[in-house]
Amino acid sequence: MRASAALSVVAGHQTAAAPSLADRIGRLQAQARNLAREHIAALETAMAEVERLSGEIADGGEAYPVGVREIARRLAAECEASGNTIKALAGRT
């Protein structure tokens, strides 16, 4: 017969405490803020692209109908102003 190994408790070995609910909430809130910043950056990128395209159409001359050029001109200006406002509100001026 084989002797069985004895189990012993090692002094000083502690298991990691589970994070508190407040810690978990804090981490989730930080993650949500990071994702929101990424989402805002994506919006800024899309608005910059619309501004660029609108400017091209506004300056495109007679190849584009007058009404389309005028709307594109206004849209380019609105995207620039709104983009600047978003940057200011997001704290990245």
PDB file of N, CA and C in Angstrom:
ATOM      1  N   MET A   1       0.803  -1.182   0.000  1.00  0.00           N
ATOM      2  CA  MET A   1       0.000   0.000   0.000  1.00  0.00           C
ATOM      3  C   MET A   1       0.853   1.255   0.000  1.00  0.00           C
ATOM      4  N   ARG A   2       0.371   2.206  -0.672  1.00  0.00           N
ATOM      5  CA  ARG A   2       1.097   3.461  -0.773  1.00  0.00           C
ATOM      6  C   ARG A   2       0.560   4.440   0.260  1.00  0.00           C
ATOM      7  N   ALA A   3       1.446   5.170   0.899  1.00  0.00           N
ATOM      8  CA  ALA A   3       1.027   6.159   1.897  1.00  0.00           C
ATOM      9  C   ALA A   3       0.495   7.388   1.166  1.00  0.00           C
ATOM     10  N   SER A   4      -0.573   7.920   1.656  1.00  0.00           N
ATOM     11  CA  SER A   4      -1.135   9.115   1.025  1.00  0.00           C
ATOM     12  C   SER A   4      -0.400  10.352   1.513  1.00  0.00           C
ATOM     13  N   ALA A   5      -0.270  11.315   0.643  1.00  0.00           N
ATOM     14  CA  ALA A   5       0.409  12.563   0.985  1.00  0.00           C
ATOM     15  C   ALA A   5      -0.474  13.381   1.910  1.00  0.00           C
ATOM     16  N   ALA A   6       0.111  13.952   2.878  1.00  0.00           N
ATOM     17  CA  ALA A   6      -0.636  14.779   3.826  1.00  0.00           C
ATOM     18  C   ALA A   6      -0.809  16.174   3.260  1.00  0.00           C
ATOM     19  N   LEU A   7      -1.958  16.756   3.460  1.00  0.00           N
ATOM     20  CA  LEU A   7      -2.221  18.129   3.040  1.00  0.00           C
ATOM     21  C   LEU A   7      -1.898  19.050   4.198  1.00  0.00           C
ATOM     22  N   SER A   8      -1.307  20.191   3.860  1.00  0.00           N
ATOM     23  CA  SER A   8      -1.015  21.152   4.917  1.00  0.00           C
ATOM     24  C   SER A   8      -1.356  22.544   4.438  1.00  0.00           C
ATOM     25  N   VAL A   9      -1.649  23.427   5.371  1.00  0.00           N
ATOM     26  CA  VAL A   9      -1.960  24.824   5.080  1.00  0.00           C
ATOM     27  C   VAL A   9      -0.665  25.607   5.176  1.00  0.00           C
ATOM     28  N   VAL A  10      -0.408  26.394   4.166  1.00  0.00           N
ATOM     29  CA  VAL A  10       0.801  27.212   4.150  1.00  0.00           C
ATOM     30  C   VAL A  10       0.457  28.561   4.775  1.00  0.00           C
ATOM     31  N   ALA A  11       1.149  28.913   5.816  1.00  0.00           N
ATOM     32  CA  ALA A  11       0.898  30.173   6.502  1.00  0.00           C
ATOM     33  C   ALA A  11       1.288  31.337   5.611  1.00  0.00           C
ATOM     34  N   GLY A  12       0.534  32.425   5.685  1.00  0.00           N
ATOM     35  CA  GLY A  12       0.860  33.627   4.934  1.00  0.00           C
ATOM     36  C   GLY A  12       0.317  33.643   3.518  1.00  0.00           C
ATOM     37  N   HIS A  13      -0.244  32.593   3.047  1.00  0.00           N
ATOM     38  CA  HIS A  13      -0.817  32.557   1.698  1.00  0.00           C
ATOM     39  C   HIS A  13      -2.256  33.035   1.775  1.00  0.00           C
ATOM     40  N   GLN A  14      -2.533  34.149   1.090  1.00  0.00           N
ATOM     41  CA  GLN A  14      -3.875  34.710   1.124  1.00  0.00           C
ATOM     42  C   GLN A  14      -4.442  34.727  -0.286  1.00  0.00           C
ATOM     43  N   THR A  15      -5.712  34.510  -0.389  1.00  0.00           N
ATOM     44  CA  THR A  15      -6.364  34.598  -1.690  1.00  0.00           C
ATOM     45  C   THR A  15      -6.708  36.058  -1.947  1.00  0.00           C
ATOM     46  N   ALA A  16      -6.706  36.431  -3.189  1.00  0.00           N
ATOM     47  CA  ALA A  16      -7.028  37.810  -3.550  1.00  0.00           C
ATOM     48  C   ALA A  16      -8.490  38.083  -3.258  1.00  0.00           C
ATOM     49  N   ALA A  17      -8.735  39.210  -2.640  1.00  0.00           N
ATOM     50  CA  ALA A  17     -10.108  39.590  -2.333  1.00  0.00           C
ATOM     51  C   ALA A  17     -10.815  39.984  -3.630  1.00  0.00           C
ATOM     52  N   ALA A  18     -12.064  39.623  -3.712  1.00  0.00           N
ATOM     53  CA  ALA A  18     -12.862  39.998  -4.878  1.00  0.00           C
ATOM     54  C   ALA A  18     -13.035  41.512  -4.873  1.00  0.00           C
ATOM     55  N   PRO A  19     -12.998  42.133  -6.065  1.00  0.00           N
ATOM     56  CA  PRO A  19     -13.169  43.588  -6.095  1.00  0.00           C
ATOM     57  C   PRO A  19     -14.549  43.977  -5.564  1.00  0.00           C
ATOM     58  N   SER A  20     -14.586  45.108  -4.904  1.00  0.00           N
ATOM     59  CA  SER A  20     -15.859  45.568  -4.355  1.00  0.00           C
ATOM     60  C   SER A  20     -16.764  46.020  -5.491  1.00  0.00           C
ATOM     61  N   LEU A  21     -18.016  46.142  -5.182  1.00  0.00           N
ATOM     62  CA  LEU A  21     -18.989  46.602  -6.172  1.00  0.00           C
ATOM     63  C   LEU A  21     -18.626  48.009  -6.639  1.00  0.00           C
ATOM     64  N   ALA A  22     -18.180  48.851  -5.723  1.00  0.00           N
ATOM     65  CA  ALA A  22     -17.781  50.214  -6.092  1.00  0.00           C
ATOM     66  C   ALA A  22     -16.596  50.197  -7.055  1.00  0.00           C
ATOM     67  N   ASP A  23     -15.625  49.292  -6.814  1.00  0.00           N
ATOM     68  CA  ASP A  23     -14.484  49.167  -7.727  1.00  0.00           C
ATOM     69  C   ASP A  23     -14.938  48.732  -9.111  1.00  0.00           C
ATOM     70  N   ARG A  24     -15.820  47.765  -9.152  1.00  0.00           N
ATOM     71  CA  ARG A  24     -16.322  47.274 -10.440  1.00  0.00           C
ATOM     72  C   ARG A  24     -17.060  48.379 -11.186  1.00  0.00           C
ATOM     73  N   ILE A  25     -17.895  49.138 -10.454  1.00  0.00           N
ATOM     74  CA  ILE A  25     -18.643  50.235 -11.072  1.00  0.00           C
ATOM     75  C   ILE A  25     -17.674  51.280 -11.617  1.00  0.00           C
ATOM     76  N   GLY A  26     -16.648  51.602 -10.835  1.00  0.00           N
ATOM     77  CA  GLY A  26     -15.651  52.576 -11.285  1.00  0.00           C
ATOM     78  C   GLY A  26     -14.959  52.138 -12.557  1.00  0.00           C
ATOM     79  N   ARG A  27     -14.590  50.868 -12.633  1.00  0.00           N
ATOM     80  CA  ARG A  27     -13.934  50.360 -13.845  1.00  0.00           C
ATOM     81  C   ARG A  27     -14.885  50.401 -15.038  1.00  0.00           C
ATOM     82  N   LEU A  28     -16.137  50.039 -14.826  1.00  0.00           N
ATOM     83  CA  LEU A  28     -17.113  50.070 -15.927  1.00  0.00           C
ATOM     84  C   LEU A  28     -17.367  51.502 -16.394  1.00  0.00           C
ATOM     85  N   GLN A  29     -17.426  52.441 -15.448  1.00  0.00           N
ATOM     86  CA  GLN A  29     -17.630  53.835 -15.826  1.00  0.00           C
ATOM     87  C   GLN A  29     -16.430  54.358 -16.623  1.00  0.00           C
ATOM     88  N   ALA A  30     -15.232  53.982 -16.217  1.00  0.00           N
ATOM     89  CA  ALA A  30     -14.034  54.397 -16.954  1.00  0.00           C
ATOM     90  C   ALA A  30     -14.046  53.806 -18.357  1.00  0.00           C
ATOM     91  N   GLN A  31     -14.445  52.552 -18.469  1.00  0.00           N
ATOM     92  CA  GLN A  31     -14.523  51.909 -19.777  1.00  0.00           C
ATOM     93  C   GLN A  31     -15.567  52.607 -20.645  1.00  0.00           C
ATOM     94  N   ALA A  32     -16.713  52.969 -20.063  1.00  0.00           N
ATOM     95  CA  ALA A  32     -17.758  53.660 -20.820  1.00  0.00           C
ATOM     96  C   ALA A  32     -17.262  55.029 -21.290  1.00  0.00           C
ATOM     97  N   ARG A  33     -16.520  55.751 -20.451  1.00  0.00           N
ATOM     98  CA  ARG A  33     -15.971  57.054 -20.860  1.00  0.00           C
ATOM     99  C   ARG A  33     -14.986  56.881 -22.012  1.00  0.00           C
ATOM    100  N   ASN A  34     -14.147  55.862 -21.948  1.00  0.00           N
ATOM    101  CA  ASN A  34     -13.198  55.613 -23.042  1.00  0.00           C
ATOM    102  C   ASN A  34     -13.917  55.301 -24.341  1.00  0.00           C
ATOM    103  N   LEU A  35     -14.956  54.469 -24.267  1.00  0.00           N
ATOM    104  CA  LEU A  35     -15.728  54.147 -25.467  1.00  0.00           C
ATOM    105  C   LEU A  35     -16.446  55.376 -26.007  1.00  0.00           C
ATOM    106  N   ALA A  36     -16.949  56.227 -25.120  1.00  0.00           N
ATOM    107  CA  ALA A  36     -17.615  57.456 -25.554  1.00  0.00           C
ATOM    108  C   ALA A  36     -16.627  58.364 -26.280  1.00  0.00           C
ATOM    109  N   ARG A  37     -15.391  58.459 -25.772  1.00  0.00           N
ATOM    110  CA  ARG A  37     -14.366  59.272 -26.455  1.00  0.00           C
ATOM    111  C   ARG A  37     -14.091  58.726 -27.853  1.00  0.00           C
ATOM    112  N   GLU A  38     -14.015  57.404 -27.977  1.00  0.00           N
ATOM    113  CA  GLU A  38     -13.803  56.793 -29.297  1.00  0.00           C
ATOM    114  C   GLU A  38     -14.965  57.098 -30.234  1.00  0.00           C
ATOM    115  N   HIS A  39     -16.179  57.061 -29.700  1.00  0.00           N
ATOM    116  CA  HIS A  39     -17.370  57.319 -30.510  1.00  0.00           C
ATOM    117  C   HIS A  39     -17.384  58.777 -30.981  1.00  0.00           C
ATOM    118  N   ILE A  40     -17.036  59.685 -30.072  1.00  0.00           N
ATOM    119  CA  ILE A  40     -16.982  61.098 -30.429  1.00  0.00           C
ATOM    120  C   ILE A  40     -15.915  61.328 -31.498  1.00  0.00           C
ATOM    121  N   ALA A  41     -14.776  60.674 -31.363  1.00  0.00           N
ATOM    122  CA  ALA A  41     -13.710  60.804 -32.372  1.00  0.00           C
ATOM    123  C   ALA A  41     -14.192  60.310 -33.729  1.00  0.00           C
ATOM    124  N   ALA A  42     -14.970  59.232 -33.745  1.00  0.00           N
ATOM    125  CA  ALA A  42     -15.514  58.714 -35.002  1.00  0.00           C
ATOM    126  C   ALA A  42     -16.476  59.724 -35.618  1.00  0.00           C
ATOM    127  N   LEU A  43     -17.285  60.385 -34.785  1.00  0.00           N
ATOM    128  CA  LEU A  43     -18.199  61.415 -35.281  1.00  0.00           C
ATOM    129  C   LEU A  43     -17.416  62.577 -35.871  1.00  0.00           C
ATOM    130  N   GLU A  44     -16.368  63.008 -35.179  1.00  0.00           N
ATOM    131  CA  GLU A  44     -15.542  64.103 -35.680  1.00  0.00           C
ATOM    132  C   GLU A  44     -14.917  63.746 -37.034  1.00  0.00           C
ATOM    133  N   THR A  45     -14.461  62.530 -37.170  1.00  0.00           N
ATOM    134  CA  THR A  45     -13.868  62.078 -38.434  1.00  0.00           C
ATOM    135  C   THR A  45     -14.903  62.102 -39.554  1.00  0.00           C
ATOM    136  N   ALA A  46     -16.098  61.606 -39.257  1.00  0.00           N
ATOM    137  CA  ALA A  46     -17.162  61.581 -40.269  1.00  0.00           C
ATOM    138  C   ALA A  46     -17.566  63.003 -40.662  1.00  0.00           C
ATOM    139  N   MET A  47     -17.650  63.889 -39.672  1.00  0.00           N
ATOM    140  CA  MET A  47     -18.023  65.279 -39.974  1.00  0.00           C
ATOM    141  C   MET A  47     -16.948  65.967 -40.807  1.00  0.00           C
ATOM    142  N   ALA A  48     -15.686  65.672 -40.538  1.00  0.00           N
ATOM    143  CA  ALA A  48     -14.602  66.253 -41.325  1.00  0.00           C
ATOM    144  C   ALA A  48     -14.687  65.778 -42.773  1.00  0.00           C
ATOM    145  N   GLU A  49     -15.056  64.525 -42.965  1.00  0.00           N
ATOM    146  CA  GLU A  49     -15.213  63.995 -44.323  1.00  0.00           C
ATOM    147  C   GLU A  49     -16.386  64.663 -45.036  1.00  0.00           C
ATOM    148  N   VAL A  50     -17.497  64.856 -44.337  1.00  0.00           N
ATOM    149  CA  VAL A  50     -18.654  65.541 -44.936  1.00  0.00           C
ATOM    150  C   VAL A  50     -18.276  66.979 -45.277  1.00  0.00           C
ATOM    151  N   GLU A  51     -17.529  67.616 -44.373  1.00  0.00           N
ATOM    152  CA  GLU A  51     -17.076  68.988 -44.630  1.00  0.00           C
ATOM    153  C   GLU A  51     -16.207  69.044 -45.889  1.00  0.00           C
ATOM    154  N   ARG A  52     -15.284  68.092 -46.034  1.00  0.00           N
ATOM    155  CA  ARG A  52     -14.408  68.047 -47.192  1.00  0.00           C
ATOM    156  C   ARG A  52     -15.202  67.847 -48.483  1.00  0.00           C
ATOM    157  N   LEU A  53     -16.092  66.847 -48.470  1.00  0.00           N
ATOM    158  CA  LEU A  53     -16.896  66.573 -49.671  1.00  0.00           C
ATOM    159  C   LEU A  53     -17.801  67.752 -50.015  1.00  0.00           C
ATOM    160  N   SER A  54     -18.406  68.333 -49.015  1.00  0.00           N
ATOM    161  CA  SER A  54     -19.292  69.477 -49.243  1.00  0.00           C
ATOM    162  C   SER A  54     -18.524  70.649 -49.842  1.00  0.00           C
ATOM    163  N   GLY A  55     -17.323  70.878 -49.319  1.00  0.00           N
ATOM    164  CA  GLY A  55     -16.492  71.959 -49.865  1.00  0.00           C
ATOM    165  C   GLY A  55     -16.143  71.718 -51.317  1.00  0.00           C
ATOM    166  N   GLU A  56     -15.829  70.475 -51.649  1.00  0.00           N
ATOM    167  CA  GLU A  56     -15.509  70.151 -53.043  1.00  0.00           C
ATOM    168  C   GLU A  56     -16.697  70.423 -53.956  1.00  0.00           C
ATOM    169  N   ILE A  57     -17.883  70.036 -53.507  1.00  0.00           N
ATOM    170  CA  ILE A  57     -19.083  70.257 -54.325  1.00  0.00           C
ATOM    171  C   ILE A  57     -19.402  71.742 -54.406  1.00  0.00           C
ATOM    172  N   ALA A  58     -19.281  72.444 -53.273  1.00  0.00           N
ATOM    173  CA  ALA A  58     -19.571  73.881 -53.264  1.00  0.00           C
ATOM    174  C   ALA A  58     -18.654  74.628 -54.224  1.00  0.00           C
ATOM    175  N   ASP A  59     -17.415  74.169 -54.339  1.00  0.00           N
ATOM    176  CA  ASP A  59     -16.442  74.820 -55.221  1.00  0.00           C
ATOM    177  C   ASP A  59     -16.362  74.153 -56.596  1.00  0.00           C
ATOM    178  N   GLY A  60     -17.287  73.258 -56.871  1.00  0.00           N
ATOM    179  CA  GLY A  60     -17.222  72.459 -58.091  1.00  0.00           C
ATOM    180  C   GLY A  60     -17.690  73.131 -59.351  1.00  0.00           C
ATOM    181  N   GLY A  61     -18.164  74.324 -59.223  1.00  0.00           N
ATOM    182  CA  GLY A  61     -18.567  75.064 -60.421  1.00  0.00           C
ATOM    183  C   GLY A  61     -19.852  74.541 -61.033  1.00  0.00           C
ATOM    184  N   GLU A  62     -19.994  74.811 -62.304  1.00  0.00           N
ATOM    185  CA  GLU A  62     -21.248  74.550 -63.001  1.00  0.00           C
ATOM    186  C   GLU A  62     -21.530  73.074 -63.235  1.00  0.00           C
ATOM    187  N   ALA A  63     -20.587  72.231 -62.894  1.00  0.00           N
ATOM    188  CA  ALA A  63     -20.848  70.799 -63.032  1.00  0.00           C
ATOM    189  C   ALA A  63     -21.947  70.359 -62.060  1.00  0.00           C
ATOM    190  N   TYR A  64     -22.137  71.151 -60.997  1.00  0.00           N
ATOM    191  CA  TYR A  64     -23.155  70.836 -59.991  1.00  0.00           C
ATOM    192  C   TYR A  64     -24.279  71.855 -60.068  1.00  0.00           C
ATOM    193  N   PRO A  65     -25.511  71.425 -59.852  1.00  0.00           N
ATOM    194  CA  PRO A  65     -26.628  72.377 -59.851  1.00  0.00           C
ATOM    195  C   PRO A  65     -26.432  73.453 -58.768  1.00  0.00           C
ATOM    196  N   VAL A  66     -26.912  74.661 -59.066  1.00  0.00           N
ATOM    197  CA  VAL A  66     -26.739  75.797 -58.169  1.00  0.00           C
ATOM    198  C   VAL A  66     -27.257  75.483 -56.767  1.00  0.00           C
ATOM    199  N   GLY A  67     -28.429  74.895 -56.655  1.00  0.00           N
ATOM    200  CA  GLY A  67     -29.023  74.587 -55.347  1.00  0.00           C
ATOM    201  C   GLY A  67     -28.182  73.596 -54.550  1.00  0.00           C
ATOM    202  N   VAL A  68     -27.620  72.614 -55.231  1.00  0.00           N
ATOM    203  CA  VAL A  68     -26.776  71.618 -54.560  1.00  0.00           C
ATOM    204  C   VAL A  68     -25.495  72.284 -54.061  1.00  0.00           C
ATOM    205  N   ARG A  69     -24.910  73.155 -54.879  1.00  0.00           N
ATOM    206  CA  ARG A  69     -23.699  73.868 -54.457  1.00  0.00           C
ATOM    207  C   ARG A  69     -23.968  74.729 -53.232  1.00  0.00           C
ATOM    208  N   GLU A  70     -25.109  75.387 -53.217  1.00  0.00           N
ATOM    209  CA  GLU A  70     -25.453  76.255 -52.081  1.00  0.00           C
ATOM    210  C   GLU A  70     -25.657  75.437 -50.807  1.00  0.00           C
ATOM    211  N   ILE A  71     -26.373  74.332 -50.904  1.00  0.00           N
ATOM    212  CA  ILE A  71     -26.566  73.467 -49.726  1.00  0.00           C
ATOM    213  C   ILE A  71     -25.227  72.915 -49.263  1.00  0.00           C
ATOM    214  N   ALA A  72     -24.377  72.514 -50.189  1.00  0.00           N
ATOM    215  CA  ALA A  72     -23.060  71.985 -49.847  1.00  0.00           C
ATOM    216  C   ALA A  72     -22.222  73.050 -49.154  1.00  0.00           C
ATOM    217  N   ARG A  73     -22.302  74.290 -49.630  1.00  0.00           N
ATOM    218  CA  ARG A  73     -21.559  75.383 -49.001  1.00  0.00           C
ATOM    219  C   ARG A  73     -21.996  75.570 -47.552  1.00  0.00           C
ATOM    220  N   ARG A  74     -23.312  75.601 -47.320  1.00  0.00           N
ATOM    221  CA  ARG A  74     -23.839  75.759 -45.951  1.00  0.00           C
ATOM    222  C   ARG A  74     -23.482  74.567 -45.080  1.00  0.00           C
ATOM    223  N   LEU A  75     -23.568  73.364 -45.656  1.00  0.00           N
ATOM    224  CA  LEU A  75     -23.250  72.149 -44.902  1.00  0.00           C
ATOM    225  C   LEU A  75     -21.786  72.124 -44.486  1.00  0.00           C
ATOM    226  N   ALA A  76     -20.903  72.553 -45.368  1.00  0.00           N
ATOM    227  CA  ALA A  76     -19.479  72.605 -45.028  1.00  0.00           C
ATOM    228  C   ALA A  76     -19.245  73.551 -43.855  1.00  0.00           C
ATOM    229  N   ALA A  77     -19.886  74.716 -43.888  1.00  0.00           N
ATOM    230  CA  ALA A  77     -19.738  75.688 -42.800  1.00  0.00           C
ATOM    231  C   ALA A  77     -20.317  75.148 -41.498  1.00  0.00           C
ATOM    232  N   GLU A  78     -21.463  74.490 -41.583  1.00  0.00           N
ATOM    233  CA  GLU A  78     -22.093  73.930 -40.386  1.00  0.00           C
ATOM    234  C   GLU A  78     -21.243  72.806 -39.785  1.00  0.00           C
ATOM    235  N   CYS A  79     -20.682  71.969 -40.636  1.00  0.00           N
ATOM    236  CA  CYS A  79     -19.832  70.878 -40.134  1.00  0.00           C
ATOM    237  C   CYS A  79     -18.588  71.430 -39.447  1.00  0.00           C
ATOM    238  N   GLU A  80     -18.008  72.471 -40.026  1.00  0.00           N
ATOM    239  CA  GLU A  80     -16.824  73.070 -39.405  1.00  0.00           C
ATOM    240  C   GLU A  80     -17.175  73.646 -38.034  1.00  0.00           C
ATOM    241  N   ALA A  81     -18.246  74.420 -37.968  1.00  0.00           N
ATOM    242  CA  ALA A  81     -18.646  75.039 -36.702  1.00  0.00           C
ATOM    243  C   ALA A  81     -19.040  73.980 -35.668  1.00  0.00           C
ATOM    244  N   SER A  82     -19.831  73.007 -36.084  1.00  0.00           N
ATOM    245  CA  SER A  82     -20.259  71.958 -35.153  1.00  0.00           C
ATOM    246  C   SER A  82     -19.087  71.107 -34.702  1.00  0.00           C
ATOM    247  N   GLY A  83     -18.158  70.820 -35.600  1.00  0.00           N
ATOM    248  CA  GLY A  83     -16.968  70.060 -35.237  1.00  0.00           C
ATOM    249  C   GLY A  83     -16.136  70.787 -34.194  1.00  0.00           C
ATOM    250  N   ASN A  84     -15.989  72.104 -34.369  1.00  0.00           N
ATOM    251  CA  ASN A  84     -15.252  72.901 -33.389  1.00  0.00           C
ATOM    252  C   ASN A  84     -15.959  72.909 -32.036  1.00  0.00           C
ATOM    253  N   THR A  85     -17.287  72.988 -32.057  1.00  0.00           N
ATOM    254  CA  THR A  85     -18.056  72.963 -30.809  1.00  0.00           C
ATOM    255  C   THR A  85     -17.901  71.626 -30.110  1.00  0.00           C
ATOM    256  N   ILE A  86     -17.974  70.550 -30.870  1.00  0.00           N
ATOM    257  CA  ILE A  86     -17.821  69.215 -30.279  1.00  0.00           C
ATOM    258  C   ILE A  86     -16.437  69.070 -29.644  1.00  0.00           C
ATOM    259  N   LYS A  87     -15.418  69.529 -30.334  1.00  0.00           N
ATOM    260  CA  LYS A  87     -14.059  69.471 -29.774  1.00  0.00           C
ATOM    261  C   LYS A  87     -13.969  70.259 -28.476  1.00  0.00           C
ATOM    262  N   ALA A  88     -14.573  71.440 -28.453  1.00  0.00           N
ATOM    263  CA  ALA A  88     -14.538  72.266 -27.249  1.00  0.00           C
ATOM    264  C   ALA A  88     -15.289  71.576 -26.095  1.00  0.00           C
ATOM    265  N   LEU A  89     -16.443  71.024 -26.390  1.00  0.00           N
ATOM    266  CA  LEU A  89     -17.228  70.355 -25.354  1.00  0.00           C
ATOM    267  C   LEU A  89     -16.548  69.097 -24.846  1.00  0.00           C
ATOM    268  N   ALA A  90     -15.821  68.435 -25.738  1.00  0.00           N
ATOM    269  CA  ALA A  90     -15.117  67.203 -25.351  1.00  0.00           C
ATOM    270  C   ALA A  90     -13.781  67.522 -24.681  1.00  0.00           C
ATOM    271  N   GLY A  91     -13.430  68.811 -24.636  1.00  0.00           N
ATOM    272  CA  GLY A  91     -12.206  69.213 -23.961  1.00  0.00           C
ATOM    273  C   GLY A  91     -10.953  69.028 -24.772  1.00  0.00           C
ATOM    274  N   ARG A  92     -11.086  69.061 -26.090  1.00  0.00           N
ATOM    275  CA  ARG A  92      -9.921  68.890 -26.965  1.00  0.00           C
ATOM    276  C   ARG A  92      -9.823  70.034 -27.961  1.00  0.00           C
ATOM    277  N   THR A  93      -9.733  71.244 -27.514  1.00  0.00           N
ATOM    278  CA  THR A  93      -9.637  72.390 -28.428  1.00  0.00           C
ATOM    279  C   THR A  93      -8.232  72.617 -28.898  1.00  0.00           C
TER     280      THR A  93
END
